[in-house]
Amino acid sequence: AVMDIAANSYLIAVIPPTLRSRVMGVVQTANFG
């Protein structure tokens, strides 16, 4: 929980809005895929 909360907050802050879903798609592949 600590890892997810801190890491997700970092990623949402640092990813440009126009790429947000595509980068989060890569994140999902890394995590769940």
PDB file of all heavy atoms in Angstrom:
ATOM      1  N   ALA A   1       0.829  -1.201   0.000  1.00  0.00           N
ATOM      2  CA  ALA A   1       0.000   0.000   0.000  1.00  0.00           C
ATOM      3  C   ALA A   1       0.864   1.252   0.000  1.00  0.00           C
ATOM      4  O   ALA A   1       0.618   2.206  -0.754  1.00  0.00           O
ATOM      5  CB  ALA A   1      -0.931  -0.012   1.211  1.00  0.00           C
ATOM      6  N   VAL A   2       1.899   1.280   0.831  1.00  0.00           N
ATOM      7  CA  VAL A   2       2.802   2.434   0.863  1.00  0.00           C
ATOM      8  C   VAL A   2       3.484   2.608  -0.490  1.00  0.00           C
ATOM      9  O   VAL A   2       3.573   3.725  -1.034  1.00  0.00           O
ATOM     10  CB  VAL A   2       3.847   2.264   1.986  1.00  0.00           C
ATOM     11  CG1 VAL A   2       4.923   3.354   1.902  1.00  0.00           C
ATOM     12  CG2 VAL A   2       3.176   2.284   3.354  1.00  0.00           C
ATOM     13  N   MET A   3       3.947   1.512  -1.062  1.00  0.00           N
ATOM     14  CA  MET A   3       4.626   1.578  -2.354  1.00  0.00           C
ATOM     15  C   MET A   3       3.684   2.075  -3.444  1.00  0.00           C
ATOM     16  O   MET A   3       4.027   2.977  -4.226  1.00  0.00           O
ATOM     17  CB  MET A   3       5.156   0.198  -2.730  1.00  0.00           C
ATOM     18  CG  MET A   3       5.915   0.150  -4.037  1.00  0.00           C
ATOM     19  SD  MET A   3       6.206  -1.532  -4.617  1.00  0.00           S
ATOM     20  CE  MET A   3       4.567  -1.988  -5.178  1.00  0.00           C
ATOM     21  N   ASP A   4       2.472   1.499  -3.530  1.00  0.00           N
ATOM     22  CA  ASP A   4       1.527   1.889  -4.572  1.00  0.00           C
ATOM     23  C   ASP A   4       1.135   3.358  -4.458  1.00  0.00           C
ATOM     24  O   ASP A   4       1.070   4.073  -5.463  1.00  0.00           O
ATOM     25  CB  ASP A   4       0.269   1.013  -4.481  1.00  0.00           C
ATOM     26  CG  ASP A   4       0.447  -0.330  -5.159  1.00  0.00           C
ATOM     27  OD1 ASP A   4       1.443  -0.506  -5.883  1.00  0.00           O
ATOM     28  OD2 ASP A   4      -0.413  -1.206  -4.973  1.00  0.00           O
ATOM     29  N   ILE A   5       0.838   3.796  -3.248  1.00  0.00           N
ATOM     30  CA  ILE A   5       0.378   5.172  -3.063  1.00  0.00           C
ATOM     31  C   ILE A   5       1.470   6.162  -3.464  1.00  0.00           C
ATOM     32  O   ILE A   5       1.227   7.117  -4.206  1.00  0.00           O
ATOM     33  CB  ILE A   5      -0.064   5.385  -1.600  1.00  0.00           C
ATOM     34  CG1 ILE A   5      -1.353   4.598  -1.325  1.00  0.00           C
ATOM     35  CG2 ILE A   5      -0.254   6.870  -1.282  1.00  0.00           C
ATOM     36  CD1 ILE A   5      -1.663   4.429   0.140  1.00  0.00           C
ATOM     37  N   ALA A   6       2.683   5.935  -2.997  1.00  0.00           N
ATOM     38  CA  ALA A   6       3.782   6.849  -3.317  1.00  0.00           C
ATOM     39  C   ALA A   6       4.142   6.784  -4.800  1.00  0.00           C
ATOM     40  O   ALA A   6       4.337   7.820  -5.458  1.00  0.00           O
ATOM     41  CB  ALA A   6       4.995   6.522  -2.451  1.00  0.00           C
ATOM     42  N   ALA A   7       4.229   5.569  -5.368  1.00  0.00           N
ATOM     43  CA  ALA A   7       4.630   5.422  -6.768  1.00  0.00           C
ATOM     44  C   ALA A   7       3.568   5.964  -7.712  1.00  0.00           C
ATOM     45  O   ALA A   7       3.888   6.642  -8.704  1.00  0.00           O
ATOM     46  CB  ALA A   7       4.923   3.955  -7.081  1.00  0.00           C
ATOM     47  N   ASN A   8       2.288   5.685  -7.451  1.00  0.00           N
ATOM     48  CA  ASN A   8       1.223   6.207  -8.311  1.00  0.00           C
ATOM     49  C   ASN A   8       1.174   7.725  -8.264  1.00  0.00           C
ATOM     50  O   ASN A   8       0.944   8.386  -9.283  1.00  0.00           O
ATOM     51  CB  ASN A   8      -0.128   5.624  -7.895  1.00  0.00           C
ATOM     52  CG  ASN A   8      -0.336   4.219  -8.419  1.00  0.00           C
ATOM     53  OD1 ASN A   8       0.214   3.849  -9.449  1.00  0.00           O
ATOM     54  ND2 ASN A   8      -1.122   3.424  -7.718  1.00  0.00           N
ATOM     55  N   SER A   9       1.370   8.294  -7.078  1.00  0.00           N
ATOM     56  CA  SER A   9       1.376   9.755  -6.969  1.00  0.00           C
ATOM     57  C   SER A   9       2.518  10.350  -7.787  1.00  0.00           C
ATOM     58  O   SER A   9       2.347  11.363  -8.481  1.00  0.00           O
ATOM     59  CB  SER A   9       1.501  10.164  -5.500  1.00  0.00           C
ATOM     60  OG  SER A   9       0.410   9.673  -4.736  1.00  0.00           O
ATOM     61  N   TYR A  10       3.684   9.731  -7.718  1.00  0.00           N
ATOM     62  CA  TYR A  10       4.831  10.198  -8.497  1.00  0.00           C
ATOM     63  C   TYR A  10       4.546  10.120  -9.994  1.00  0.00           C
ATOM     64  O   TYR A  10       4.792  11.092 -10.744  1.00  0.00           O
ATOM     65  CB  TYR A  10       6.060   9.365  -8.148  1.00  0.00           C
ATOM     66  CG  TYR A  10       7.204   9.554  -9.109  1.00  0.00           C
ATOM     67  CD1 TYR A  10       7.994  10.700  -9.056  1.00  0.00           C
ATOM     68  CD2 TYR A  10       7.482   8.595 -10.079  1.00  0.00           C
ATOM     69  CE1 TYR A  10       9.036  10.884  -9.956  1.00  0.00           C
ATOM     70  CE2 TYR A  10       8.516   8.774 -10.980  1.00  0.00           C
ATOM     71  CZ  TYR A  10       9.290   9.915 -10.915  1.00  0.00           C
ATOM     72  OH  TYR A  10      10.305  10.094 -11.814  1.00  0.00           O
ATOM     73  N   LEU A  11       4.004   8.982 -10.448  1.00  0.00           N
ATOM     74  CA  LEU A  11       3.785   8.802 -11.874  1.00  0.00           C
ATOM     75  C   LEU A  11       2.719   9.752 -12.410  1.00  0.00           C
ATOM     76  O   LEU A  11       2.873  10.330 -13.491  1.00  0.00           O
ATOM     77  CB  LEU A  11       3.392   7.345 -12.162  1.00  0.00           C
ATOM     78  CG  LEU A  11       4.518   6.317 -11.997  1.00  0.00           C
ATOM     79  CD1 LEU A  11       3.977   4.906 -12.088  1.00  0.00           C
ATOM     80  CD2 LEU A  11       5.609   6.536 -13.048  1.00  0.00           C
ATOM     81  N   ILE A  12       1.624   9.924 -11.678  1.00  0.00           N
ATOM     82  CA  ILE A  12       0.581  10.839 -12.133  1.00  0.00           C
ATOM     83  C   ILE A  12       1.123  12.260 -12.240  1.00  0.00           C
ATOM     84  O   ILE A  12       0.769  13.011 -13.144  1.00  0.00           O
ATOM     85  CB  ILE A  12      -0.638  10.773 -11.192  1.00  0.00           C
ATOM     86  CG1 ILE A  12      -1.317   9.404 -11.297  1.00  0.00           C
ATOM     87  CG2 ILE A  12      -1.648  11.871 -11.530  1.00  0.00           C
ATOM     88  CD1 ILE A  12      -2.395   9.182 -10.264  1.00  0.00           C
ATOM     89  N   ALA A  13       2.009  12.629 -11.320  1.00  0.00           N
ATOM     90  CA  ALA A  13       2.577  13.977 -11.341  1.00  0.00           C
ATOM     91  C   ALA A  13       3.561  14.184 -12.477  1.00  0.00           C
ATOM     92  O   ALA A  13       3.635  15.267 -13.063  1.00  0.00           O
ATOM     93  CB  ALA A  13       3.260  14.269  -9.999  1.00  0.00           C
ATOM     94  N   VAL A  14       4.329  13.157 -12.829  1.00  0.00           N
ATOM     95  CA  VAL A  14       5.438  13.347 -13.762  1.00  0.00           C
ATOM     96  C   VAL A  14       5.059  13.067 -15.217  1.00  0.00           C
ATOM     97  O   VAL A  14       5.718  13.564 -16.140  1.00  0.00           O
ATOM     98  CB  VAL A  14       6.636  12.457 -13.336  1.00  0.00           C
ATOM     99  CG1 VAL A  14       6.438  11.005 -13.737  1.00  0.00           C
ATOM    100  CG2 VAL A  14       7.945  13.002 -13.900  1.00  0.00           C
ATOM    101  N   ILE A  15       4.000  12.297 -15.471  1.00  0.00           N
ATOM    102  CA  ILE A  15       3.629  11.945 -16.846  1.00  0.00           C
ATOM    103  C   ILE A  15       2.888  13.116 -17.498  1.00  0.00           C
ATOM    104  O   ILE A  15       1.930  13.642 -16.926  1.00  0.00           O
ATOM    105  CB  ILE A  15       2.724  10.685 -16.862  1.00  0.00           C
ATOM    106  CG1 ILE A  15       3.451   9.482 -16.270  1.00  0.00           C
ATOM    107  CG2 ILE A  15       2.288  10.377 -18.297  1.00  0.00           C
ATOM    108  CD1 ILE A  15       2.547   8.298 -16.007  1.00  0.00           C
ATOM    109  N   PRO A  16       3.271  13.527 -18.704  1.00  0.00           N
ATOM    110  CA  PRO A  16       2.537  14.585 -19.411  1.00  0.00           C
ATOM    111  C   PRO A  16       1.089  14.156 -19.668  1.00  0.00           C
ATOM    112  O   PRO A  16       0.830  12.981 -19.971  1.00  0.00           O
ATOM    113  CB  PRO A  16       3.309  14.732 -20.731  1.00  0.00           C
ATOM    114  CG  PRO A  16       4.658  14.169 -20.455  1.00  0.00           C
ATOM    115  CD  PRO A  16       4.457  13.079 -19.450  1.00  0.00           C
ATOM    116  N   PRO A  17       0.121  15.080 -19.570  1.00  0.00           N
ATOM    117  CA  PRO A  17      -1.288  14.714 -19.742  1.00  0.00           C
ATOM    118  C   PRO A  17      -1.587  14.039 -21.073  1.00  0.00           C
ATOM    119  O   PRO A  17      -2.418  13.136 -21.135  1.00  0.00           O
ATOM    120  CB  PRO A  17      -2.023  16.054 -19.611  1.00  0.00           C
ATOM    121  CG  PRO A  17      -1.108  16.911 -18.812  1.00  0.00           C
ATOM    122  CD  PRO A  17       0.277  16.495 -19.181  1.00  0.00           C
ATOM    123  N   THR A  18      -0.928  14.461 -22.151  1.00  0.00           N
ATOM    124  CA  THR A  18      -1.221  13.887 -23.467  1.00  0.00           C
ATOM    125  C   THR A  18      -0.728  12.457 -23.618  1.00  0.00           C
ATOM    126  O   THR A  18      -1.090  11.773 -24.577  1.00  0.00           O
ATOM    127  CB  THR A  18      -0.591  14.747 -24.573  1.00  0.00           C
ATOM    128  OG1 THR A  18       0.809  14.902 -24.309  1.00  0.00           O
ATOM    129  CG2 THR A  18      -1.249  16.114 -24.638  1.00  0.00           C
ATOM    130  N   LEU A  19       0.098  12.011 -22.676  1.00  0.00           N
ATOM    131  CA  LEU A  19       0.622  10.641 -22.727  1.00  0.00           C
ATOM    132  C   LEU A  19       0.146   9.797 -21.557  1.00  0.00           C
ATOM    133  O   LEU A  19       0.546   8.645 -21.423  1.00  0.00           O
ATOM    134  CB  LEU A  19       2.159  10.667 -22.712  1.00  0.00           C
ATOM    135  CG  LEU A  19       2.871  11.146 -23.965  1.00  0.00           C
ATOM    136  CD1 LEU A  19       4.365  11.276 -23.688  1.00  0.00           C
ATOM    137  CD2 LEU A  19       2.626  10.187 -25.120  1.00  0.00           C
ATOM    138  N   ARG A  20      -0.717  10.346 -20.718  1.00  0.00           N
ATOM    139  CA  ARG A  20      -0.992   9.715 -19.429  1.00  0.00           C
ATOM    140  C   ARG A  20      -1.511   8.283 -19.577  1.00  0.00           C
ATOM    141  O   ARG A  20      -1.017   7.356 -18.931  1.00  0.00           O
ATOM    142  CB  ARG A  20      -1.990  10.561 -18.636  1.00  0.00           C
ATOM    143  CG  ARG A  20      -2.234  10.038 -17.226  1.00  0.00           C
ATOM    144  CD  ARG A  20      -3.079  11.002 -16.420  1.00  0.00           C
ATOM    145  NE  ARG A  20      -2.302  12.141 -15.957  1.00  0.00           N
ATOM    146  CZ  ARG A  20      -2.708  13.405 -16.057  1.00  0.00           C
ATOM    147  NH1 ARG A  20      -3.855  13.686 -16.631  1.00  0.00           N
ATOM    148  NH2 ARG A  20      -1.951  14.376 -15.584  1.00  0.00           N
ATOM    149  N   SER A  21      -2.517   8.059 -20.417  1.00  0.00           N
ATOM    150  CA  SER A  21      -3.083   6.714 -20.523  1.00  0.00           C
ATOM    151  C   SER A  21      -2.128   5.743 -21.196  1.00  0.00           C
ATOM    152  O   SER A  21      -2.078   4.564 -20.855  1.00  0.00           O
ATOM    153  CB  SER A  21      -4.417   6.756 -21.282  1.00  0.00           C
ATOM    154  OG  SER A  21      -5.440   7.274 -20.463  1.00  0.00           O
ATOM    155  N   ARG A  22      -1.354   6.240 -22.188  1.00  0.00           N
ATOM    156  CA  ARG A  22      -0.417   5.333 -22.853  1.00  0.00           C
ATOM    157  C   ARG A  22       0.698   4.901 -21.907  1.00  0.00           C
ATOM    158  O   ARG A  22       1.097   3.734 -21.887  1.00  0.00           O
ATOM    159  CB  ARG A  22       0.158   6.002 -24.102  1.00  0.00           C
ATOM    160  CG  ARG A  22      -0.763   5.876 -25.308  1.00  0.00           C
ATOM    161  CD  ARG A  22      -0.346   6.778 -26.434  1.00  0.00           C
ATOM    162  NE  ARG A  22      -0.635   8.175 -26.114  1.00  0.00           N
ATOM    163  CZ  ARG A  22      -0.306   9.200 -26.900  1.00  0.00           C
ATOM    164  NH1 ARG A  22       0.352   8.983 -28.014  1.00  0.00           N
ATOM    165  NH2 ARG A  22      -0.624  10.429 -26.561  1.00  0.00           N
ATOM    166  N   VAL A  23       1.181   5.833 -21.103  1.00  0.00           N
ATOM    167  CA  VAL A  23       2.206   5.449 -20.132  1.00  0.00           C
ATOM    168  C   VAL A  23       1.610   4.535 -19.069  1.00  0.00           C
ATOM    169  O   VAL A  23       2.231   3.533 -18.675  1.00  0.00           O
ATOM    170  CB  VAL A  23       2.840   6.697 -19.490  1.00  0.00           C
ATOM    171  CG1 VAL A  23       3.813   6.288 -18.388  1.00  0.00           C
ATOM    172  CG2 VAL A  23       3.579   7.522 -20.542  1.00  0.00           C
ATOM    173  N   MET A  24       0.392   4.843 -18.609  1.00  0.00           N
ATOM    174  CA  MET A  24      -0.222   3.974 -17.608  1.00  0.00           C
ATOM    175  C   MET A  24      -0.551   2.599 -18.196  1.00  0.00           C
ATOM    176  O   MET A  24      -0.608   1.608 -17.470  1.00  0.00           O
ATOM    177  CB  MET A  24      -1.470   4.625 -17.028  1.00  0.00           C
ATOM    178  CG  MET A  24      -1.189   5.891 -16.208  1.00  0.00           C
ATOM    179  SD  MET A  24       0.148   5.747 -14.988  1.00  0.00           S
ATOM    180  CE  MET A  24      -0.510   4.499 -13.872  1.00  0.00           C
ATOM    181  N   GLY A  25      -0.748   2.528 -19.508  1.00  0.00           N
ATOM    182  CA  GLY A  25      -0.882   1.217 -20.147  1.00  0.00           C
ATOM    183  C   GLY A  25       0.402   0.416 -20.040  1.00  0.00           C
ATOM    184  O   GLY A  25       0.379  -0.798 -19.793  1.00  0.00           O
ATOM    185  N   VAL A  26       1.542   1.093 -20.204  1.00  0.00           N
ATOM    186  CA  VAL A  26       2.833   0.430 -20.006  1.00  0.00           C
ATOM    187  C   VAL A  26       2.984   0.009 -18.542  1.00  0.00           C
ATOM    188  O   VAL A  26       3.479  -1.091 -18.239  1.00  0.00           O
ATOM    189  CB  VAL A  26       3.986   1.364 -20.425  1.00  0.00           C
ATOM    190  CG1 VAL A  26       5.334   0.713 -20.144  1.00  0.00           C
ATOM    191  CG2 VAL A  26       3.873   1.721 -21.900  1.00  0.00           C
ATOM    192  N   VAL A  27       2.548   0.877 -17.622  1.00  0.00           N
ATOM    193  CA  VAL A  27       2.613   0.544 -16.191  1.00  0.00           C
ATOM    194  C   VAL A  27       1.781  -0.698 -15.906  1.00  0.00           C
ATOM    195  O   VAL A  27       2.213  -1.608 -15.180  1.00  0.00           O
ATOM    196  CB  VAL A  27       2.127   1.732 -15.347  1.00  0.00           C
ATOM    197  CG1 VAL A  27       2.027   1.338 -13.873  1.00  0.00           C
ATOM    198  CG2 VAL A  27       3.059   2.923 -15.502  1.00  0.00           C
ATOM    199  N   GLN A  28       0.572  -0.762 -16.465  1.00  0.00           N
ATOM    200  CA  GLN A  28      -0.275  -1.943 -16.243  1.00  0.00           C
ATOM    201  C   GLN A  28       0.362  -3.198 -16.804  1.00  0.00           C
ATOM    202  O   GLN A  28       0.275  -4.269 -16.199  1.00  0.00           O
ATOM    203  CB  GLN A  28      -1.649  -1.727 -16.889  1.00  0.00           C
ATOM    204  CG  GLN A  28      -2.562  -0.837 -16.099  1.00  0.00           C
ATOM    205  CD  GLN A  28      -3.996  -1.006 -16.530  1.00  0.00           C
ATOM    206  OE1 GLN A  28      -4.543  -2.110 -16.555  1.00  0.00           O
ATOM    207  NE2 GLN A  28      -4.633   0.084 -16.891  1.00  0.00           N
ATOM    208  N   THR A  29       0.990  -3.074 -17.971  1.00  0.00           N
ATOM    209  CA  THR A  29       1.660  -4.241 -18.549  1.00  0.00           C
ATOM    210  C   THR A  29       2.806  -4.691 -17.649  1.00  0.00           C
ATOM    211  O   THR A  29       3.003  -5.894 -17.431  1.00  0.00           O
ATOM    212  CB  THR A  29       2.184  -3.911 -19.956  1.00  0.00           C
ATOM    213  OG1 THR A  29       1.091  -3.473 -20.774  1.00  0.00           O
ATOM    214  CG2 THR A  29       2.832  -5.130 -20.598  1.00  0.00           C
ATOM    215  N   ALA A  30       3.560  -3.720 -17.113  1.00  0.00           N
ATOM    216  CA  ALA A  30       4.668  -4.058 -16.221  1.00  0.00           C
ATOM    217  C   ALA A  30       4.173  -4.707 -14.940  1.00  0.00           C
ATOM    218  O   ALA A  30       4.801  -5.633 -14.414  1.00  0.00           O
ATOM    219  CB  ALA A  30       5.472  -2.798 -15.891  1.00  0.00           C
ATOM    220  N   ASN A  31       3.023  -4.243 -14.429  1.00  0.00           N
ATOM    221  CA  ASN A  31       2.534  -4.723 -13.139  1.00  0.00           C
ATOM    222  C   ASN A  31       1.682  -5.980 -13.275  1.00  0.00           C
ATOM    223  O   ASN A  31       1.929  -6.994 -12.616  1.00  0.00           O
ATOM    224  CB  ASN A  31       1.730  -3.609 -12.465  1.00  0.00           C
ATOM    225  CG  ASN A  31       1.359  -3.939 -11.035  1.00  0.00           C
ATOM    226  OD1 ASN A  31       1.779  -4.957 -10.479  1.00  0.00           O
ATOM    227  ND2 ASN A  31       0.565  -3.098 -10.421  1.00  0.00           N
ATOM    228  N   PHE A  32       0.676  -5.923 -14.144  1.00  0.00           N
ATOM    229  CA  PHE A  32      -0.283  -7.027 -14.256  1.00  0.00           C
ATOM    230  C   PHE A  32       0.044  -7.996 -15.380  1.00  0.00           C
ATOM    231  O   PHE A  32      -0.257  -9.183 -15.291  1.00  0.00           O
ATOM    232  CB  PHE A  32      -1.697  -6.469 -14.472  1.00  0.00           C
ATOM    233  CG  PHE A  32      -2.192  -5.618 -13.341  1.00  0.00           C
ATOM    234  CD1 PHE A  32      -2.165  -4.245 -13.427  1.00  0.00           C
ATOM    235  CD2 PHE A  32      -2.688  -6.196 -12.184  1.00  0.00           C
ATOM    236  CE1 PHE A  32      -2.623  -3.446 -12.386  1.00  0.00           C
ATOM    237  CE2 PHE A  32      -3.146  -5.416 -11.137  1.00  0.00           C
ATOM    238  CZ  PHE A  32      -3.107  -4.037 -11.238  1.00  0.00           C
ATOM    239  N   GLY A  33       0.651  -7.484 -16.448  1.00  0.00           N
ATOM    240  CA  GLY A  33       0.882  -8.336 -17.612  1.00  0.00           C
ATOM    241  C   GLY A  33       1.884  -9.442 -17.381  1.00  0.00           C
ATOM    242  O   GLY A  33       1.839 -10.481 -18.049  1.00  0.00           O
TER     243      GLY A  33
END
